[in-house]
N, C-alpha and C. Protein backbone atom coordinates (compact mmCIF):
# COMPACT_ATOMS: atom_id res chain seq x y z
N MET A 1 -8.30 28.76 -42.01
CA MET A 1 -7.84 28.30 -40.72
C MET A 1 -6.31 28.37 -40.72
N THR A 2 -5.78 28.87 -39.64
CA THR A 2 -4.32 28.96 -39.53
C THR A 2 -3.72 27.62 -39.16
N LEU A 3 -2.42 27.50 -39.34
CA LEU A 3 -1.72 26.26 -39.00
C LEU A 3 -1.83 25.96 -37.51
N GLU A 4 -1.72 26.98 -36.69
CA GLU A 4 -1.80 26.79 -35.24
C GLU A 4 -3.18 26.25 -34.83
N ASN A 5 -4.23 26.80 -35.43
CA ASN A 5 -5.58 26.31 -35.12
C ASN A 5 -5.78 24.89 -35.63
N ALA A 6 -5.21 24.58 -36.79
CA ALA A 6 -5.34 23.24 -37.34
C ALA A 6 -4.66 22.22 -36.44
N ILE A 7 -3.53 22.59 -35.85
CA ILE A 7 -2.84 21.68 -34.93
C ILE A 7 -3.69 21.43 -33.70
N ARG A 8 -4.31 22.47 -33.19
CA ARG A 8 -5.18 22.31 -32.01
C ARG A 8 -6.38 21.42 -32.32
N VAL A 9 -6.97 21.62 -33.49
CA VAL A 9 -8.12 20.78 -33.89
C VAL A 9 -7.67 19.34 -34.05
N LEU A 10 -6.53 19.12 -34.67
CA LEU A 10 -6.02 17.76 -34.87
C LEU A 10 -5.74 17.08 -33.53
N ALA A 11 -5.06 17.77 -32.63
CA ALA A 11 -4.74 17.18 -31.32
C ALA A 11 -6.01 16.89 -30.52
N GLY A 12 -6.93 17.82 -30.49
CA GLY A 12 -8.18 17.59 -29.77
C GLY A 12 -8.99 16.46 -30.35
N SER A 13 -9.03 16.38 -31.66
CA SER A 13 -9.75 15.29 -32.32
C SER A 13 -9.12 13.94 -32.02
N MET A 14 -7.80 13.89 -32.05
CA MET A 14 -7.10 12.63 -31.76
C MET A 14 -7.38 12.17 -30.33
N VAL A 15 -7.40 13.10 -29.39
CA VAL A 15 -7.68 12.74 -27.99
C VAL A 15 -9.11 12.21 -27.86
N LEU A 16 -10.08 12.91 -28.46
CA LEU A 16 -11.46 12.46 -28.37
C LEU A 16 -11.67 11.11 -29.05
N ILE A 17 -11.07 10.92 -30.22
CA ILE A 17 -11.20 9.65 -30.93
C ILE A 17 -10.58 8.52 -30.11
N SER A 18 -9.42 8.77 -29.53
CA SER A 18 -8.76 7.71 -28.76
C SER A 18 -9.54 7.36 -27.50
N VAL A 19 -10.16 8.35 -26.87
CA VAL A 19 -10.98 8.06 -25.69
C VAL A 19 -12.20 7.23 -26.08
N ILE A 20 -12.84 7.58 -27.18
CA ILE A 20 -14.00 6.82 -27.65
C ILE A 20 -13.59 5.39 -27.99
N LEU A 21 -12.46 5.24 -28.69
CA LEU A 21 -11.98 3.89 -29.03
C LEU A 21 -11.61 3.10 -27.79
N THR A 22 -11.04 3.77 -26.79
CA THR A 22 -10.69 3.09 -25.54
C THR A 22 -11.94 2.56 -24.84
N LEU A 23 -12.98 3.36 -24.83
CA LEU A 23 -14.21 2.96 -24.14
C LEU A 23 -15.03 1.93 -24.91
N THR A 24 -14.95 1.95 -26.23
CA THR A 24 -15.85 1.09 -27.02
C THR A 24 -15.16 -0.11 -27.66
N VAL A 25 -13.87 -0.01 -27.98
CA VAL A 25 -13.22 -1.08 -28.74
C VAL A 25 -12.26 -1.88 -27.88
N HIS A 26 -11.20 -1.21 -27.40
CA HIS A 26 -10.17 -1.94 -26.65
C HIS A 26 -9.44 -0.95 -25.76
N SER A 27 -9.09 -1.39 -24.57
CA SER A 27 -8.43 -0.50 -23.62
C SER A 27 -7.02 -0.10 -24.06
N GLY A 28 -6.45 -0.81 -25.01
CA GLY A 28 -5.11 -0.48 -25.50
C GLY A 28 -5.04 0.84 -26.25
N PHE A 29 -6.19 1.34 -26.70
CA PHE A 29 -6.21 2.62 -27.41
C PHE A 29 -5.87 3.80 -26.49
N VAL A 30 -5.81 3.56 -25.19
CA VAL A 30 -5.41 4.62 -24.26
C VAL A 30 -3.99 5.10 -24.58
N TRP A 31 -3.19 4.23 -25.18
CA TRP A 31 -1.82 4.62 -25.53
C TRP A 31 -1.78 5.68 -26.63
N LEU A 32 -2.82 5.75 -27.44
CA LEU A 32 -2.90 6.83 -28.42
C LEU A 32 -3.08 8.16 -27.71
N THR A 33 -3.88 8.18 -26.66
CA THR A 33 -4.06 9.39 -25.86
C THR A 33 -2.74 9.79 -25.21
N VAL A 34 -2.03 8.82 -24.69
CA VAL A 34 -0.73 9.09 -24.07
C VAL A 34 0.24 9.66 -25.10
N PHE A 35 0.27 9.08 -26.29
CA PHE A 35 1.15 9.55 -27.36
C PHE A 35 0.86 11.00 -27.72
N VAL A 36 -0.41 11.34 -27.87
CA VAL A 36 -0.78 12.71 -28.21
C VAL A 36 -0.36 13.67 -27.10
N GLY A 37 -0.59 13.30 -25.85
CA GLY A 37 -0.19 14.15 -24.73
C GLY A 37 1.31 14.36 -24.65
N VAL A 38 2.07 13.29 -24.82
CA VAL A 38 3.53 13.40 -24.80
C VAL A 38 4.02 14.26 -25.96
N ASN A 39 3.39 14.11 -27.12
CA ASN A 39 3.78 14.91 -28.28
C ASN A 39 3.50 16.40 -28.04
N LEU A 40 2.39 16.70 -27.39
CA LEU A 40 2.09 18.11 -27.08
C LEU A 40 3.10 18.70 -26.09
N ILE A 41 3.47 17.92 -25.10
CA ILE A 41 4.47 18.39 -24.13
C ILE A 41 5.83 18.58 -24.80
N GLN A 42 6.22 17.61 -25.63
CA GLN A 42 7.50 17.70 -26.33
C GLN A 42 7.54 18.92 -27.25
N SER A 43 6.45 19.19 -27.96
CA SER A 43 6.44 20.33 -28.87
C SER A 43 6.47 21.66 -28.12
N ALA A 44 5.94 21.68 -26.91
CA ALA A 44 5.99 22.90 -26.11
C ALA A 44 7.42 23.24 -25.71
N PHE A 45 8.23 22.21 -25.42
CA PHE A 45 9.60 22.45 -25.00
C PHE A 45 10.56 22.65 -26.16
N THR A 46 10.34 21.93 -27.26
CA THR A 46 11.29 21.99 -28.38
C THR A 46 10.86 22.92 -29.49
N GLY A 47 9.57 23.20 -29.59
CA GLY A 47 9.07 24.03 -30.68
C GLY A 47 8.92 23.25 -31.98
N ILE A 48 9.11 21.94 -31.93
CA ILE A 48 9.00 21.09 -33.12
C ILE A 48 7.79 20.19 -32.96
N CYS A 49 6.88 20.26 -33.92
CA CYS A 49 5.69 19.41 -33.91
C CYS A 49 5.64 18.65 -35.23
N PRO A 50 5.71 17.33 -35.17
CA PRO A 50 5.68 16.54 -36.40
C PRO A 50 4.43 16.76 -37.25
N ALA A 51 3.32 17.10 -36.63
CA ALA A 51 2.09 17.32 -37.38
C ALA A 51 2.19 18.52 -38.30
N VAL A 52 3.06 19.47 -37.99
CA VAL A 52 3.21 20.67 -38.81
C VAL A 52 3.62 20.30 -40.23
N TYR A 53 4.52 19.35 -40.36
CA TYR A 53 4.99 18.95 -41.69
C TYR A 53 3.85 18.40 -42.53
N PHE A 54 2.99 17.59 -41.93
CA PHE A 54 1.87 17.01 -42.66
C PHE A 54 0.81 18.06 -43.00
N LEU A 55 0.54 18.94 -42.05
CA LEU A 55 -0.47 19.97 -42.30
C LEU A 55 -0.01 20.97 -43.35
N LYS A 56 1.28 21.27 -43.39
CA LYS A 56 1.79 22.17 -44.42
C LYS A 56 1.64 21.54 -45.81
N LYS A 57 1.83 20.23 -45.90
CA LYS A 57 1.65 19.54 -47.17
C LYS A 57 0.18 19.54 -47.61
N LEU A 58 -0.72 19.65 -46.64
CA LEU A 58 -2.14 19.71 -46.95
C LEU A 58 -2.59 21.13 -47.32
N GLY A 59 -1.69 22.10 -47.20
CA GLY A 59 -2.01 23.45 -47.63
C GLY A 59 -2.25 24.46 -46.54
N PHE A 60 -2.09 24.11 -45.30
CA PHE A 60 -2.26 25.08 -44.20
C PHE A 60 -1.03 25.97 -44.13
N GLN A 61 -1.26 27.25 -43.79
CA GLN A 61 -0.13 28.18 -43.70
C GLN A 61 -0.07 28.84 -42.36
């Protein structure tokens, strides 16, 4: 799996997990969804994604 695909899987998973947590645990988890969305928008404009650093340490190239 490429680094770009891993980022997409991570972002999609985080959104789905946060929606499930929002519906089942507490409505405050909606802020995790907001954070992921803002991070995606920020990375589109700046080209910098904090998740890249962590995924590279896990061995993705």
